[in-house]
Amino acid sequence: QNLALFRSMSVFDNVRVGGHSRSRSDFFSDALRLPWVRNE
């Protein structure tokens, strides 16, 4: 009802954040930039 956006972020980045709830990545995978992380 009351907007819950990241107001200082861009429109695109706000939309992209919504997809991370389905992401399989974790801290170590992100840090190593594994191929499947880049594809995701």
PDB file of all heavy atoms in Angstrom:
ATOM      1  N   GLN A   1       0.838  -1.198   0.000  1.00  0.00           N
ATOM      2  CA  GLN A   1       0.000   0.000   0.000  1.00  0.00           C
ATOM      3  C   GLN A   1       0.879   1.258   0.000  1.00  0.00           C
ATOM      4  O   GLN A   1       0.635   2.200  -0.742  1.00  0.00           O
ATOM      5  CB  GLN A   1      -0.905  -0.024   1.222  1.00  0.00           C
ATOM      6  CG  GLN A   1      -1.825   1.179   1.351  1.00  0.00           C
ATOM      7  CD  GLN A   1      -2.706   1.068   2.583  1.00  0.00           C
ATOM      8  OE1 GLN A   1      -2.765   0.033   3.240  1.00  0.00           O
ATOM      9  NE2 GLN A   1      -3.395   2.137   2.899  1.00  0.00           N
ATOM     10  N   ASN A   2       1.901   1.254   0.834  1.00  0.00           N
ATOM     11  CA  ASN A   2       2.909   2.313   0.835  1.00  0.00           C
ATOM     12  C   ASN A   2       4.130   1.773   0.105  1.00  0.00           C
ATOM     13  O   ASN A   2       4.670   0.734   0.480  1.00  0.00           O
ATOM     14  CB  ASN A   2       3.271   2.716   2.264  1.00  0.00           C
ATOM     15  CG  ASN A   2       2.084   3.257   3.023  1.00  0.00           C
ATOM     16  OD1 ASN A   2       1.341   4.091   2.505  1.00  0.00           O
ATOM     17  ND2 ASN A   2       1.878   2.774   4.245  1.00  0.00           N
ATOM     18  N   LEU A   3       4.549   2.460  -0.924  1.00  0.00           N
ATOM     19  CA  LEU A   3       5.622   1.966  -1.782  1.00  0.00           C
ATOM     20  C   LEU A   3       6.848   1.555  -0.971  1.00  0.00           C
ATOM     21  O   LEU A   3       7.271   2.260  -0.051  1.00  0.00           O
ATOM     22  CB  LEU A   3       6.013   3.041  -2.797  1.00  0.00           C
ATOM     23  CG  LEU A   3       4.962   3.360  -3.870  1.00  0.00           C
ATOM     24  CD1 LEU A   3       5.408   4.551  -4.689  1.00  0.00           C
ATOM     25  CD2 LEU A   3       4.727   2.160  -4.763  1.00  0.00           C
ATOM     26  N   ALA A   4       7.401   0.397  -1.318  1.00  0.00           N
ATOM     27  CA  ALA A   4       8.572  -0.126  -0.611  1.00  0.00           C
ATOM     28  C   ALA A   4       9.719  -0.301  -1.599  1.00  0.00           C
ATOM     29  O   ALA A   4      10.324  -1.363  -1.684  1.00  0.00           O
ATOM     30  CB  ALA A   4       8.230  -1.451   0.076  1.00  0.00           C
ATOM     31  N   LEU A   5      10.016   0.758  -2.345  1.00  0.00           N
ATOM     32  CA  LEU A   5      11.081   0.719  -3.342  1.00  0.00           C
ATOM     33  C   LEU A   5      12.397   1.220  -2.753  1.00  0.00           C
ATOM     34  O   LEU A   5      12.417   1.899  -1.723  1.00  0.00           O
ATOM     35  CB  LEU A   5      10.695   1.589  -4.546  1.00  0.00           C
ATOM     36  CG  LEU A   5       9.480   1.121  -5.350  1.00  0.00           C
ATOM     37  CD1 LEU A   5       9.018   2.220  -6.288  1.00  0.00           C
ATOM     38  CD2 LEU A   5       9.798  -0.147  -6.120  1.00  0.00           C
ATOM     39  N   PHE A   6      13.500   0.895  -3.442  1.00  0.00           N
ATOM     40  CA  PHE A   6      14.800   1.468  -3.108  1.00  0.00           C
ATOM     41  C   PHE A   6      14.902   2.797  -3.850  1.00  0.00           C
ATOM     42  O   PHE A   6      15.265   2.845  -5.028  1.00  0.00           O
ATOM     43  CB  PHE A   6      15.922   0.511  -3.513  1.00  0.00           C
ATOM     44  CG  PHE A   6      15.873  -0.807  -2.793  1.00  0.00           C
ATOM     45  CD1 PHE A   6      15.365  -1.937  -3.419  1.00  0.00           C
ATOM     46  CD2 PHE A   6      16.314  -0.910  -1.483  1.00  0.00           C
ATOM     47  CE1 PHE A   6      15.315  -3.154  -2.761  1.00  0.00           C
ATOM     48  CE2 PHE A   6      16.265  -2.124  -0.810  1.00  0.00           C
ATOM     49  CZ  PHE A   6      15.756  -3.242  -1.450  1.00  0.00           C
ATOM     50  N   ARG A   7      14.570   3.865  -3.177  1.00  0.00           N
ATOM     51  CA  ARG A   7      14.320   5.146  -3.837  1.00  0.00           C
ATOM     52  C   ARG A   7      15.566   5.766  -4.464  1.00  0.00           C
ATOM     53  O   ARG A   7      15.470   6.530  -5.413  1.00  0.00           O
ATOM     54  CB  ARG A   7      13.681   6.124  -2.849  1.00  0.00           C
ATOM     55  CG  ARG A   7      12.291   5.663  -2.394  1.00  0.00           C
ATOM     56  CD  ARG A   7      11.681   6.613  -1.382  1.00  0.00           C
ATOM     57  NE  ARG A   7      11.599   7.970  -1.883  1.00  0.00           N
ATOM     58  CZ  ARG A   7      10.655   8.402  -2.716  1.00  0.00           C
ATOM     59  NH1 ARG A   7       9.748   7.559  -3.172  1.00  0.00           N
ATOM     60  NH2 ARG A   7      10.652   9.653  -3.109  1.00  0.00           N
ATOM     61  N   SER A   8      16.746   5.444  -3.930  1.00  0.00           N
ATOM     62  CA  SER A   8      17.964   6.017  -4.491  1.00  0.00           C
ATOM     63  C   SER A   8      18.531   5.189  -5.647  1.00  0.00           C
ATOM     64  O   SER A   8      19.483   5.599  -6.297  1.00  0.00           O
ATOM     65  CB  SER A   8      19.025   6.177  -3.393  1.00  0.00           C
ATOM     66  OG  SER A   8      19.396   4.910  -2.878  1.00  0.00           O
ATOM     67  N   MET A   9      17.932   4.030  -5.894  1.00  0.00           N
ATOM     68  CA  MET A   9      18.385   3.166  -6.977  1.00  0.00           C
ATOM     69  C   MET A   9      17.585   3.443  -8.241  1.00  0.00           C
ATOM     70  O   MET A   9      16.509   4.028  -8.218  1.00  0.00           O
ATOM     71  CB  MET A   9      18.247   1.687  -6.575  1.00  0.00           C
ATOM     72  CG  MET A   9      19.241   1.251  -5.515  1.00  0.00           C
ATOM     73  SD  MET A   9      18.883  -0.398  -4.823  1.00  0.00           S
ATOM     74  CE  MET A   9      18.741  -1.396  -6.306  1.00  0.00           C
ATOM     75  N   SER A  10      18.127   3.011  -9.369  1.00  0.00           N
ATOM     76  CA  SER A  10      17.455   3.216 -10.644  1.00  0.00           C
ATOM     77  C   SER A  10      16.253   2.287 -10.779  1.00  0.00           C
ATOM     78  O   SER A  10      16.109   1.296 -10.049  1.00  0.00           O
ATOM     79  CB  SER A  10      18.419   2.956 -11.802  1.00  0.00           C
ATOM     80  OG  SER A  10      18.698   1.563 -11.902  1.00  0.00           O
ATOM     81  N   VAL A  11      15.397   2.610 -11.740  1.00  0.00           N
ATOM     82  CA  VAL A  11      14.254   1.762 -12.045  1.00  0.00           C
ATOM     83  C   VAL A  11      14.719   0.348 -12.380  1.00  0.00           C
ATOM     84  O   VAL A  11      14.196  -0.641 -11.850  1.00  0.00           O
ATOM     85  CB  VAL A  11      13.451   2.361 -13.222  1.00  0.00           C
ATOM     86  CG1 VAL A  11      12.442   1.351 -13.770  1.00  0.00           C
ATOM     87  CG2 VAL A  11      12.748   3.643 -12.788  1.00  0.00           C
ATOM     88  N   PHE A  12      15.715   0.257 -13.273  1.00  0.00           N
ATOM     89  CA  PHE A  12      16.185  -1.063 -13.693  1.00  0.00           C
ATOM     90  C   PHE A  12      16.721  -1.873 -12.520  1.00  0.00           C
ATOM     91  O   PHE A  12      16.418  -3.067 -12.381  1.00  0.00           O
ATOM     92  CB  PHE A  12      17.273  -0.926 -14.757  1.00  0.00           C
ATOM     93  CG  PHE A  12      17.862  -2.243 -15.175  1.00  0.00           C
ATOM     94  CD1 PHE A  12      17.170  -3.101 -16.014  1.00  0.00           C
ATOM     95  CD2 PHE A  12      19.103  -2.645 -14.698  1.00  0.00           C
ATOM     96  CE1 PHE A  12      17.698  -4.331 -16.381  1.00  0.00           C
ATOM     97  CE2 PHE A  12      19.641  -3.866 -15.055  1.00  0.00           C
ATOM     98  CZ  PHE A  12      18.935  -4.715 -15.904  1.00  0.00           C
ATOM     99  N   ASP A  13      17.507  -1.238 -11.644  1.00  0.00           N
ATOM    100  CA  ASP A  13      18.079  -1.964 -10.518  1.00  0.00           C
ATOM    101  C   ASP A  13      16.995  -2.418  -9.548  1.00  0.00           C
ATOM    102  O   ASP A  13      17.096  -3.499  -8.951  1.00  0.00           O
ATOM    103  CB  ASP A  13      19.116  -1.110  -9.798  1.00  0.00           C
ATOM    104  CG  ASP A  13      20.413  -1.006 -10.572  1.00  0.00           C
ATOM    105  OD1 ASP A  13      20.674  -1.886 -11.411  1.00  0.00           O
ATOM    106  OD2 ASP A  13      21.178  -0.041 -10.342  1.00  0.00           O
ATOM    107  N   ASN A  14      15.944  -1.600  -9.353  1.00  0.00           N
ATOM    108  CA  ASN A  14      14.833  -2.017  -8.507  1.00  0.00           C
ATOM    109  C   ASN A  14      14.155  -3.258  -9.064  1.00  0.00           C
ATOM    110  O   ASN A  14      13.834  -4.191  -8.328  1.00  0.00           O
ATOM    111  CB  ASN A  14      13.804  -0.888  -8.373  1.00  0.00           C
ATOM    112  CG  ASN A  14      14.034  -0.023  -7.152  1.00  0.00           C
ATOM    113  OD1 ASN A  14      13.588  -0.345  -6.053  1.00  0.00           O
ATOM    114  ND2 ASN A  14      14.743   1.081  -7.354  1.00  0.00           N
ATOM    115  N   VAL A  15      13.954  -3.286 -10.377  1.00  0.00           N
ATOM    116  CA  VAL A  15      13.298  -4.437 -11.005  1.00  0.00           C
ATOM    117  C   VAL A  15      14.192  -5.667 -10.899  1.00  0.00           C
ATOM    118  O   VAL A  15      13.738  -6.770 -10.576  1.00  0.00           O
ATOM    119  CB  VAL A  15      12.945  -4.135 -12.468  1.00  0.00           C
ATOM    120  CG1 VAL A  15      12.338  -5.368 -13.141  1.00  0.00           C
ATOM    121  CG2 VAL A  15      11.971  -2.955 -12.551  1.00  0.00           C
ATOM    122  N   ARG A  16      15.488  -5.478 -11.154  1.00  0.00           N
ATOM    123  CA  ARG A  16      16.417  -6.605 -11.111  1.00  0.00           C
ATOM    124  C   ARG A  16      16.479  -7.211  -9.713  1.00  0.00           C
ATOM    125  O   ARG A  16      16.591  -8.443  -9.569  1.00  0.00           O
ATOM    126  CB  ARG A  16      17.801  -6.159 -11.556  1.00  0.00           C
ATOM    127  CG  ARG A  16      18.815  -7.289 -11.589  1.00  0.00           C
ATOM    128  CD  ARG A  16      20.095  -6.882 -12.281  1.00  0.00           C
ATOM    129  NE  ARG A  16      20.682  -5.679 -11.695  1.00  0.00           N
ATOM    130  CZ  ARG A  16      21.826  -5.146 -12.088  1.00  0.00           C
ATOM    131  NH1 ARG A  16      22.504  -5.695 -13.090  1.00  0.00           N
ATOM    132  NH2 ARG A  16      22.307  -4.061 -11.507  1.00  0.00           N
ATOM    133  N   VAL A  17      16.396  -6.386  -8.674  1.00  0.00           N
ATOM    134  CA  VAL A  17      16.423  -6.891  -7.304  1.00  0.00           C
ATOM    135  C   VAL A  17      15.293  -7.892  -7.071  1.00  0.00           C
ATOM    136  O   VAL A  17      15.452  -8.881  -6.350  1.00  0.00           O
ATOM    137  CB  VAL A  17      16.325  -5.720  -6.300  1.00  0.00           C
ATOM    138  CG1 VAL A  17      15.927  -6.210  -4.915  1.00  0.00           C
ATOM    139  CG2 VAL A  17      17.647  -4.979  -6.215  1.00  0.00           C
ATOM    140  N   GLY A  18      14.146  -7.650  -7.693  1.00  0.00           N
ATOM    141  CA  GLY A  18      13.018  -8.546  -7.502  1.00  0.00           C
ATOM    142  C   GLY A  18      13.299  -9.971  -7.929  1.00  0.00           C
ATOM    143  O   GLY A  18      12.726 -10.924  -7.375  1.00  0.00           O
ATOM    144  N   GLY A  19      14.194 -10.162  -8.901  1.00  0.00           N
ATOM    145  CA  GLY A  19      14.504 -11.493  -9.376  1.00  0.00           C
ATOM    146  C   GLY A  19      15.450 -12.264  -8.489  1.00  0.00           C
ATOM    147  O   GLY A  19      15.584 -13.487  -8.626  1.00  0.00           O
ATOM    148  N   HIS A  20      16.099 -11.593  -7.543  1.00  0.00           N
ATOM    149  CA  HIS A  20      17.093 -12.268  -6.712  1.00  0.00           C
ATOM    150  C   HIS A  20      16.464 -13.236  -5.708  1.00  0.00           C
ATOM    151  O   HIS A  20      17.167 -14.080  -5.152  1.00  0.00           O
ATOM    152  CB  HIS A  20      17.968 -11.250  -5.990  1.00  0.00           C
ATOM    153  CG  HIS A  20      19.063 -10.693  -6.849  1.00  0.00           C
ATOM    154  ND1 HIS A  20      20.234 -11.370  -7.092  1.00  0.00           N
ATOM    155  CD2 HIS A  20      19.147  -9.528  -7.555  1.00  0.00           C
ATOM    156  CE1 HIS A  20      21.010 -10.649  -7.895  1.00  0.00           C
ATOM    157  NE2 HIS A  20      20.370  -9.532  -8.199  1.00  0.00           N
ATOM    158  N   SER A  21      15.150 -13.112  -5.492  1.00  0.00           N
ATOM    159  CA  SER A  21      14.500 -14.067  -4.585  1.00  0.00           C
ATOM    160  C   SER A  21      14.526 -15.475  -5.154  1.00  0.00           C
ATOM    161  O   SER A  21      14.390 -16.456  -4.414  1.00  0.00           O
ATOM    162  CB  SER A  21      13.055 -13.642  -4.326  1.00  0.00           C
ATOM    163  OG  SER A  21      12.299 -13.677  -5.526  1.00  0.00           O
ATOM    164  N   ARG A  22      14.708 -15.593  -6.485  1.00  0.00           N
ATOM    165  CA  ARG A  22      14.795 -16.905  -7.130  1.00  0.00           C
ATOM    166  C   ARG A  22      16.238 -17.316  -7.417  1.00  0.00           C
ATOM    167  O   ARG A  22      16.477 -18.348  -8.019  1.00  0.00           O
ATOM    168  CB  ARG A  22      14.003 -16.887  -8.443  1.00  0.00           C
ATOM    169  CG  ARG A  22      12.509 -16.716  -8.290  1.00  0.00           C
ATOM    170  CD  ARG A  22      11.895 -17.875  -7.533  1.00  0.00           C
ATOM    171  NE  ARG A  22      10.453 -17.876  -7.632  1.00  0.00           N
ATOM    172  CZ  ARG A  22       9.741 -18.786  -8.256  1.00  0.00           C
ATOM    173  NH1 ARG A  22      10.354 -19.788  -8.853  1.00  0.00           N
ATOM    174  NH2 ARG A  22       8.428 -18.724  -8.280  1.00  0.00           N
ATOM    175  N   SER A  23      17.194 -16.498  -6.995  1.00  0.00           N
ATOM    176  CA  SER A  23      18.597 -16.782  -7.282  1.00  0.00           C
ATOM    177  C   SER A  23      19.119 -17.926  -6.414  1.00  0.00           C
ATOM    178  O   SER A  23      18.734 -18.098  -5.259  1.00  0.00           O
ATOM    179  CB  SER A  23      19.439 -15.530  -7.030  1.00  0.00           C
ATOM    180  OG  SER A  23      20.814 -15.820  -7.126  1.00  0.00           O
ATOM    181  N   ARG A  24      20.062 -18.729  -6.952  1.00  0.00           N
ATOM    182  CA  ARG A  24      20.695 -19.817  -6.213  1.00  0.00           C
ATOM    183  C   ARG A  24      22.078 -19.430  -5.693  1.00  0.00           C
ATOM    184  O   ARG A  24      22.754 -20.237  -5.061  1.00  0.00           O
ATOM    185  CB  ARG A  24      20.837 -21.053  -7.119  1.00  0.00           C
ATOM    186  CG  ARG A  24      19.534 -21.628  -7.605  1.00  0.00           C
ATOM    187  CD  ARG A  24      19.771 -22.862  -8.464  1.00  0.00           C
ATOM    188  NE  ARG A  24      20.485 -22.529  -9.696  1.00  0.00           N
ATOM    189  CZ  ARG A  24      21.709 -22.972  -9.988  1.00  0.00           C
ATOM    190  NH1 ARG A  24      22.353 -23.751  -9.146  1.00  0.00           N
ATOM    191  NH2 ARG A  24      22.282 -22.640 -11.130  1.00  0.00           N
ATOM    192  N   SER A  25      22.497 -18.209  -5.949  1.00  0.00           N
ATOM    193  CA  SER A  25      23.863 -17.811  -5.615  1.00  0.00           C
ATOM    194  C   SER A  25      24.031 -17.614  -4.115  1.00  0.00           C
ATOM    195  O   SER A  25      23.071 -17.444  -3.366  1.00  0.00           O
ATOM    196  CB  SER A  25      24.235 -16.519  -6.353  1.00  0.00           C
ATOM    197  OG  SER A  25      23.436 -15.450  -5.915  1.00  0.00           O
ATOM    198  N   ASP A  26      25.295 -17.641  -3.681  1.00  0.00           N
ATOM    199  CA  ASP A  26      25.642 -17.387  -2.289  1.00  0.00           C
ATOM    200  C   ASP A  26      26.922 -16.552  -2.270  1.00  0.00           C
ATOM    201  O   ASP A  26      27.480 -16.215  -3.314  1.00  0.00           O
ATOM    202  CB  ASP A  26      25.815 -18.695  -1.512  1.00  0.00           C
ATOM    203  CG  ASP A  26      26.791 -19.655  -2.191  1.00  0.00           C
ATOM    204  OD1 ASP A  26      27.893 -19.198  -2.567  1.00  0.00           O
ATOM    205  OD2 ASP A  26      26.450 -20.838  -2.370  1.00  0.00           O
ATOM    206  N   PHE A  27      27.391 -16.225  -1.083  1.00  0.00           N
ATOM    207  CA  PHE A  27      28.538 -15.323  -0.962  1.00  0.00           C
ATOM    208  C   PHE A  27      29.766 -15.854  -1.696  1.00  0.00           C
ATOM    209  O   PHE A  27      30.411 -15.139  -2.464  1.00  0.00           O
ATOM    210  CB  PHE A  27      28.864 -15.103   0.519  1.00  0.00           C
ATOM    211  CG  PHE A  27      30.095 -14.277   0.739  1.00  0.00           C
ATOM    212  CD1 PHE A  27      30.053 -12.899   0.630  1.00  0.00           C
ATOM    213  CD2 PHE A  27      31.313 -14.888   1.031  1.00  0.00           C
ATOM    214  CE1 PHE A  27      31.201 -12.133   0.817  1.00  0.00           C
ATOM    215  CE2 PHE A  27      32.454 -14.134   1.224  1.00  0.00           C
ATOM    216  CZ  PHE A  27      32.401 -12.759   1.112  1.00  0.00           C
ATOM    217  N   PHE A  28      30.105 -17.118  -1.472  1.00  0.00           N
ATOM    218  CA  PHE A  28      31.330 -17.668  -2.051  1.00  0.00           C
ATOM    219  C   PHE A  28      31.203 -17.826  -3.571  1.00  0.00           C
ATOM    220  O   PHE A  28      32.145 -17.547  -4.307  1.00  0.00           O
ATOM    221  CB  PHE A  28      31.663 -18.998  -1.390  1.00  0.00           C
ATOM    222  CG  PHE A  28      32.073 -18.864   0.042  1.00  0.00           C
ATOM    223  CD1 PHE A  28      31.199 -19.235   1.054  1.00  0.00           C
ATOM    224  CD2 PHE A  28      33.303 -18.338   0.384  1.00  0.00           C
ATOM    225  CE1 PHE A  28      31.565 -19.095   2.381  1.00  0.00           C
ATOM    226  CE2 PHE A  28      33.684 -18.191   1.709  1.00  0.00           C
ATOM    227  CZ  PHE A  28      32.805 -18.568   2.721  1.00  0.00           C
ATOM    228  N   SER A  29      30.022 -18.253  -4.035  1.00  0.00           N
ATOM    229  CA  SER A  29      29.825 -18.388  -5.478  1.00  0.00           C
ATOM    230  C   SER A  29      29.934 -17.033  -6.163  1.00  0.00           C
ATOM    231  O   SER A  29      30.546 -16.909  -7.235  1.00  0.00           O
ATOM    232  CB  SER A  29      28.451 -19.013  -5.763  1.00  0.00           C
ATOM    233  OG  SER A  29      28.347 -20.298  -5.195  1.00  0.00           O
ATOM    234  N   ASP A  30      29.345 -16.011  -5.528  1.00  0.00           N
ATOM    235  CA  ASP A  30      29.426 -14.666  -6.098  1.00  0.00           C
ATOM    236  C   ASP A  30      30.869 -14.162  -6.102  1.00  0.00           C
ATOM    237  O   ASP A  30      31.324 -13.541  -7.072  1.00  0.00           O
ATOM    238  CB  ASP A  30      28.541 -13.697  -5.299  1.00  0.00           C
ATOM    239  CG  ASP A  30      27.060 -13.942  -5.536  1.00  0.00           C
ATOM    240  OD1 ASP A  30      26.727 -14.616  -6.521  1.00  0.00           O
ATOM    241  OD2 ASP A  30      26.248 -13.455  -4.720  1.00  0.00           O
ATOM    242  N   ALA A  31      31.577 -14.409  -5.007  1.00  0.00           N
ATOM    243  CA  ALA A  31      32.960 -13.933  -4.903  1.00  0.00           C
ATOM    244  C   ALA A  31      33.860 -14.582  -5.947  1.00  0.00           C
ATOM    245  O   ALA A  31      34.748 -13.935  -6.520  1.00  0.00           O
ATOM    246  CB  ALA A  31      33.500 -14.213  -3.501  1.00  0.00           C
ATOM    247  N   LEU A  32      33.610 -15.844  -6.245  1.00  0.00           N
ATOM    248  CA  LEU A  32      34.422 -16.571  -7.227  1.00  0.00           C
ATOM    249  C   LEU A  32      33.954 -16.354  -8.657  1.00  0.00           C
ATOM    250  O   LEU A  32      34.657 -16.744  -9.603  1.00  0.00           O
ATOM    251  CB  LEU A  32      34.400 -18.074  -6.903  1.00  0.00           C
ATOM    252  CG  LEU A  32      35.053 -18.480  -5.586  1.00  0.00           C
ATOM    253  CD1 LEU A  32      34.787 -19.955  -5.291  1.00  0.00           C
ATOM    254  CD2 LEU A  32      36.555 -18.207  -5.637  1.00  0.00           C
ATOM    255  N   ARG A  33      32.802 -15.722  -8.800  1.00  0.00           N
ATOM    256  CA  ARG A  33      32.232 -15.458 -10.131  1.00  0.00           C
ATOM    257  C   ARG A  33      32.203 -16.740 -10.961  1.00  0.00           C
ATOM    258  O   ARG A  33      32.684 -16.790 -12.110  1.00  0.00           O
ATOM    259  CB  ARG A  33      33.019 -14.374 -10.867  1.00  0.00           C
ATOM    260  CG  ARG A  33      33.003 -13.018 -10.198  1.00  0.00           C
ATOM    261  CD  ARG A  33      31.594 -12.457 -10.116  1.00  0.00           C
ATOM    262  NE  ARG A  33      31.067 -12.183 -11.465  1.00  0.00           N
ATOM    263  CZ  ARG A  33      29.783 -11.977 -11.714  1.00  0.00           C
ATOM    264  NH1 ARG A  33      28.888 -12.060 -10.759  1.00  0.00           N
ATOM    265  NH2 ARG A  33      29.390 -11.725 -12.945  1.00  0.00           N
ATOM    266  N   LEU A  34      31.645 -17.779 -10.378  1.00  0.00           N
ATOM    267  CA  LEU A  34      31.537 -19.053 -11.078  1.00  0.00           C
ATOM    268  C   LEU A  34      30.692 -18.896 -12.339  1.00  0.00           C
ATOM    269  O   LEU A  34      29.828 -18.012 -12.418  1.00  0.00           O
ATOM    270  CB  LEU A  34      30.918 -20.104 -10.153  1.00  0.00           C
ATOM    271  CG  LEU A  34      31.726 -20.438  -8.893  1.00  0.00           C
ATOM    272  CD1 LEU A  34      30.959 -21.412  -8.018  1.00  0.00           C
ATOM    273  CD2 LEU A  34      33.090 -21.003  -9.265  1.00  0.00           C
ATOM    274  N   PRO A  35      30.943 -19.739 -13.361  1.00  0.00           N
ATOM    275  CA  PRO A  35      30.205 -19.588 -14.628  1.00  0.00           C
ATOM    276  C   PRO A  35      28.699 -19.603 -14.459  1.00  0.00           C
ATOM    277  O   PRO A  35      27.990 -18.814 -15.095  1.00  0.00           O
ATOM    278  CB  PRO A  35      30.697 -20.790 -15.448  1.00  0.00           C
ATOM    279  CG  PRO A  35      32.066 -21.069 -14.918  1.00  0.00           C
ATOM    280  CD  PRO A  35      31.999 -20.781 -13.454  1.00  0.00           C
ATOM    281  N   TRP A  36      28.188 -20.492 -13.598  1.00  0.00           N
ATOM    282  CA  TRP A  36      26.732 -20.553 -13.446  1.00  0.00           C
ATOM    283  C   TRP A  36      26.183 -19.284 -12.799  1.00  0.00           C
ATOM    284  O   TRP A  36      25.043 -18.892 -13.064  1.00  0.00           O
ATOM    285  CB  TRP A  36      26.315 -21.794 -12.661  1.00  0.00           C
ATOM    286  CG  TRP A  36      26.680 -21.821 -11.210  1.00  0.00           C
ATOM    287  CD1 TRP A  36      27.780 -22.368 -10.649  1.00  0.00           C
ATOM    288  CD2 TRP A  36      25.914 -21.273 -10.126  1.00  0.00           C
ATOM    289  NE1 TRP A  36      27.764 -22.210  -9.274  1.00  0.00           N
ATOM    290  CE2 TRP A  36      26.631 -21.549  -8.935  1.00  0.00           C
ATOM    291  CE3 TRP A  36      24.714 -20.585 -10.048  1.00  0.00           C
ATOM    292  CZ2 TRP A  36      26.165 -21.140  -7.678  1.00  0.00           C
ATOM    293  CZ3 TRP A  36      24.239 -20.181  -8.801  1.00  0.00           C
ATOM    294  CH2 TRP A  36      24.967 -20.461  -7.640  1.00  0.00           C
ATOM    295  N   VAL A  37      26.995 -18.617 -11.964  1.00  0.00           N
ATOM    296  CA  VAL A  37      26.574 -17.350 -11.362  1.00  0.00           C
ATOM    297  C   VAL A  37      26.469 -16.280 -12.436  1.00  0.00           C
ATOM    298  O   VAL A  37      25.508 -15.506 -12.482  1.00  0.00           O
ATOM    299  CB  VAL A  37      27.553 -16.918 -10.253  1.00  0.00           C
ATOM    300  CG1 VAL A  37      27.227 -15.504  -9.764  1.00  0.00           C
ATOM    301  CG2 VAL A  37      27.513 -17.906  -9.101  1.00  0.00           C
ATOM    302  N   ARG A  38      27.470 -16.225 -13.336  1.00  0.00           N
ATOM    303  CA  ARG A  38      27.428 -15.242 -14.419  1.00  0.00           C
ATOM    304  C   ARG A  38      26.225 -15.489 -15.324  1.00  0.00           C
ATOM    305  O   ARG A  38      25.558 -14.544 -15.762  1.00  0.00           O
ATOM    306  CB  ARG A  38      28.733 -15.289 -15.226  1.00  0.00           C
ATOM    307  CG  ARG A  38      29.959 -14.849 -14.421  1.00  0.00           C
ATOM    308  CD  ARG A  38      31.132 -14.539 -15.339  1.00  0.00           C
ATOM    309  NE  ARG A  38      31.563 -15.722 -16.080  1.00  0.00           N
ATOM    310  CZ  ARG A  38      32.475 -16.586 -15.654  1.00  0.00           C
ATOM    311  NH1 ARG A  38      33.035 -16.417 -14.459  1.00  0.00           N
ATOM    312  NH2 ARG A  38      32.827 -17.621 -16.386  1.00  0.00           N
ATOM    313  N   ASN A  39      25.940 -16.752 -15.605  1.00  0.00           N
ATOM    314  CA  ASN A  39      24.780 -17.075 -16.445  1.00  0.00           C
ATOM    315  C   ASN A  39      23.473 -16.682 -15.769  1.00  0.00           C
ATOM    316  O   ASN A  39      22.540 -16.187 -16.431  1.00  0.00           O
ATOM    317  CB  ASN A  39      24.769 -18.576 -16.773  1.00  0.00           C
ATOM    318  CG  ASN A  39      25.898 -18.981 -17.693  1.00  0.00           C
ATOM    319  OD1 ASN A  39      26.426 -18.151 -18.439  1.00  0.00           O
ATOM    320  ND2 ASN A  39      26.285 -20.251 -17.654  1.00  0.00           N
ATOM    321  N   GLU A  40      23.428 -16.897 -14.463  1.00  0.00           N
ATOM    322  CA  GLU A  40      22.221 -16.532 -13.726  1.00  0.00           C
ATOM    323  C   GLU A  40      22.026 -15.015 -13.731  1.00  0.00           C
ATOM    324  O   GLU A  40      20.895 -14.520 -13.876  1.00  0.00           O
ATOM    325  CB  GLU A  40      22.309 -17.051 -12.295  1.00  0.00           C
ATOM    326  CG  GLU A  40      21.006 -16.943 -11.522  1.00  0.00           C
ATOM    327  CD  GLU A  40      21.099 -17.616 -10.167  1.00  0.00           C
ATOM    328  OE1 GLU A  40      21.812 -17.070  -9.286  1.00  0.00           O
ATOM    329  OE2 GLU A  40      20.480 -18.675  -9.981  1.00  0.00           O
TER     330      GLU A  40
END
